């Protein structure tokens, strides 16, 4: 299992500005888990998903009724993709930091 504890996220909502926060990313075989604390939320937001093709993940979150994608080129230190949650949507980029 690969684990990155202090990842840096840049999240751009289509109707707002860029928001920066930290998250944790775990990749185990074909599974991925992204978790973070969102301001104003009492518990962690968790996105879980599976790899559909090499480096291409589809995720969902029960906490925010969210769906997302993340993509990563082999050897890259970044995951990039799209997200939709609680009626909002945008793009996100995660810098993988151990």
C-alpha atoms as a PDB file:
ATOM      1  CA  UNK A   1       0.000   0.000   0.000  1.00  0.00           C
ATOM      2  CA  UNK A   2       1.232   3.475  -0.871  1.00  0.00           C
ATOM      3  CA  UNK A   3       0.310   6.224   1.614  1.00  0.00           C
ATOM      4  CA  UNK A   4       0.824   9.985   1.356  1.00  0.00           C
ATOM      5  CA  UNK A   5      -0.063  11.763   4.619  1.00  0.00           C
ATOM      6  CA  UNK A   6       0.356  15.478   3.865  1.00  0.00           C
ATOM      7  CA  UNK A   7      -0.884  15.930   0.322  1.00  0.00           C
ATOM      8  CA  UNK A   8      -1.544  19.448  -0.916  1.00  0.00           C
ATOM      9  CA  UNK A   9      -4.899  19.965  -2.655  1.00  0.00           C
ATOM     10  CA  UNK A  10      -5.875  22.838  -4.930  1.00  0.00           C
ATOM     11  CA  UNK A  11      -9.619  22.681  -5.564  1.00  0.00           C
ATOM     12  CA  UNK A  12     -11.370  24.981  -8.022  1.00  0.00           C
ATOM     13  CA  UNK A  13     -15.141  25.234  -7.880  1.00  0.00           C
ATOM     14  CA  UNK A  14     -16.785  26.417 -11.090  1.00  0.00           C
ATOM     15  CA  UNK A  15     -18.685  29.107  -9.169  1.00  0.00           C
ATOM     16  CA  UNK A  16     -16.069  30.103  -6.563  1.00  0.00           C
ATOM     17  CA  UNK A  17     -12.368  30.602  -6.058  1.00  0.00           C
ATOM     18  CA  UNK A  18      -9.510  28.161  -5.598  1.00  0.00           C
ATOM     19  CA  UNK A  19      -9.393  26.537  -2.142  1.00  0.00           C
ATOM     20  CA  UNK A  20      -6.245  24.939  -0.720  1.00  0.00           C
ATOM     21  CA  UNK A  21      -6.238  22.231   1.937  1.00  0.00           C
ATOM     22  CA  UNK A  22      -4.420  19.060   3.001  1.00  0.00           C
ATOM     23  CA  UNK A  23      -5.512  15.464   2.556  1.00  0.00           C
ATOM     24  CA  UNK A  24      -4.325  11.894   2.942  1.00  0.00           C
ATOM     25  CA  UNK A  25      -4.177   9.529  -0.044  1.00  0.00           C
ATOM     26  CA  UNK A  26      -3.928   5.736   0.098  1.00  0.00           C
ATOM     27  CA  UNK A  27      -3.554   3.553  -2.982  1.00  0.00           C
ATOM     28  CA  UNK A  28      -3.690  -0.218  -2.545  1.00  0.00           C
ATOM     29  CA  UNK A  29      -3.693  -2.306  -5.720  1.00  0.00           C
ATOM     30  CA  UNK A  30      -6.729  -0.976  -7.667  1.00  0.00           C
ATOM     31  CA  UNK A  31      -8.296   0.929  -4.750  1.00  0.00           C
ATOM     32  CA  UNK A  32      -7.862   4.571  -3.780  1.00  0.00           C
ATOM     33  CA  UNK A  33      -8.947   6.490  -0.670  1.00  0.00           C
ATOM     34  CA  UNK A  34      -8.730  10.281  -0.248  1.00  0.00           C
ATOM     35  CA  UNK A  35      -9.658  11.776   3.136  1.00  0.00           C
ATOM     36  CA  UNK A  36      -9.660  15.331   4.435  1.00  0.00           C
ATOM     37  CA  UNK A  37     -11.232  17.582   7.050  1.00  0.00           C
ATOM     38  CA  UNK A  38     -13.486  20.255   5.563  1.00  0.00           C
ATOM     39  CA  UNK A  39     -14.057  23.461   7.502  1.00  0.00           C
ATOM     40  CA  UNK A  40     -17.482  23.419   9.145  1.00  0.00           C
ATOM     41  CA  UNK A  41     -17.919  19.628   8.829  1.00  0.00           C
ATOM     42  CA  UNK A  42     -17.818  17.525  12.042  1.00  0.00           C
ATOM     43  CA  UNK A  43     -16.233  14.441  10.447  1.00  0.00           C
ATOM     44  CA  UNK A  44     -13.687  13.663   7.758  1.00  0.00           C
ATOM     45  CA  UNK A  45     -14.763  13.637   4.120  1.00  0.00           C
ATOM     46  CA  UNK A  46     -13.778  10.318   2.536  1.00  0.00           C
ATOM     47  CA  UNK A  47     -13.702   9.566  -1.166  1.00  0.00           C
ATOM     48  CA  UNK A  48     -13.208   5.895  -2.080  1.00  0.00           C
ATOM     49  CA  UNK A  49     -12.901   4.377  -5.494  1.00  0.00           C
ATOM     50  CA  UNK A  50     -11.347   1.937  -7.879  1.00  0.00           C
ATOM     51  CA  UNK A  51      -8.982   2.072 -10.807  1.00  0.00           C
ATOM     52  CA  UNK A  52     -10.774   1.470 -14.122  1.00  0.00           C
ATOM     53  CA  UNK A  53      -7.682   1.730 -16.315  1.00  0.00           C
ATOM     54  CA  UNK A  54      -4.079   2.275 -15.382  1.00  0.00           C
ATOM     55  CA  UNK A  55      -3.959   5.528 -13.399  1.00  0.00           C
ATOM     56  CA  UNK A  56      -7.656   6.381 -13.901  1.00  0.00           C
ATOM     57  CA  UNK A  57      -9.848   6.309 -10.793  1.00  0.00           C
ATOM     58  CA  UNK A  58     -13.562   6.851 -10.195  1.00  0.00           C
ATOM     59  CA  UNK A  59     -14.517   7.755  -6.610  1.00  0.00           C
ATOM     60  CA  UNK A  60     -17.557   8.516  -4.468  1.00  0.00           C
ATOM     61  CA  UNK A  61     -18.223   9.971  -1.024  1.00  0.00           C
ATOM     62  CA  UNK A  62     -21.209   9.255   1.214  1.00  0.00           C
ATOM     63  CA  UNK A  63     -20.444  12.222   3.502  1.00  0.00           C
ATOM     64  CA  UNK A  64     -21.087  14.870   0.810  1.00  0.00           C
ATOM     65  CA  UNK A  65     -23.006  12.806  -1.750  1.00  0.00           C
ATOM     66  CA  UNK A  66     -19.965  13.265  -3.948  1.00  0.00           C
ATOM     67  CA  UNK A  67     -18.574  11.771  -7.121  1.00  0.00           C
ATOM     68  CA  UNK A  68     -15.094  12.373  -8.506  1.00  0.00           C
ATOM     69  CA  UNK A  69     -12.419  11.262 -10.894  1.00  0.00           C
ATOM     70  CA  UNK A  70      -8.655  11.290 -10.425  1.00  0.00           C
ATOM     71  CA  UNK A  71      -5.977  10.574 -13.013  1.00  0.00           C
ATOM     72  CA  UNK A  72      -2.253   9.957 -12.587  1.00  0.00           C
ATOM     73  CA  UNK A  73       0.487   9.281 -15.106  1.00  0.00           C
ATOM     74  CA  UNK A  74       2.925   6.539 -14.110  1.00  0.00           C
ATOM     75  CA  UNK A  75       5.590   7.993 -11.818  1.00  0.00           C
ATOM     76  CA  UNK A  76       3.799  11.341 -11.433  1.00  0.00           C
ATOM     77  CA  UNK A  77       3.583  13.089  -8.073  1.00  0.00           C
ATOM     78  CA  UNK A  78       0.143  14.535  -8.959  1.00  0.00           C
ATOM     79  CA  UNK A  79      -3.447  13.305  -9.164  1.00  0.00           C
ATOM     80  CA  UNK A  80      -5.827  15.502 -11.175  1.00  0.00           C
ATOM     81  CA  UNK A  81      -9.526  15.273 -11.852  1.00  0.00           C
ATOM     82  CA  UNK A  82     -13.121  16.432 -11.519  1.00  0.00           C
ATOM     83  CA  UNK A  83     -15.457  16.450  -8.503  1.00  0.00           C
ATOM     84  CA  UNK A  84     -19.144  17.024  -7.748  1.00  0.00           C
ATOM     85  CA  UNK A  85     -20.595  17.296  -4.250  1.00  0.00           C
ATOM     86  CA  UNK A  86     -23.592  18.888  -2.540  1.00  0.00           C
ATOM     87  CA  UNK A  87     -24.662  20.492  -5.835  1.00  0.00           C
ATOM     88  CA  UNK A  88     -21.277  22.122  -6.579  1.00  0.00           C
ATOM     89  CA  UNK A  89     -18.665  20.909  -9.035  1.00  0.00           C
ATOM     90  CA  UNK A  90     -15.122  21.702 -10.054  1.00  0.00           C
ATOM     91  CA  UNK A  91     -11.603  20.415 -10.623  1.00  0.00           C
ATOM     92  CA  UNK A  92      -8.952  19.319  -8.157  1.00  0.00           C
ATOM     93  CA  UNK A  93      -5.212  18.665  -8.183  1.00  0.00           C
ATOM     94  CA  UNK A  94      -3.494  16.712  -5.428  1.00  0.00           C
ATOM     95  CA  UNK A  95       0.275  16.909  -4.940  1.00  0.00           C
ATOM     96  CA  UNK A  96       1.364  13.606  -3.397  1.00  0.00           C
ATOM     97  CA  UNK A  97       3.566  14.409  -0.386  1.00  0.00           C
ATOM     98  CA  UNK A  98       4.798  11.770   2.055  1.00  0.00           C
END
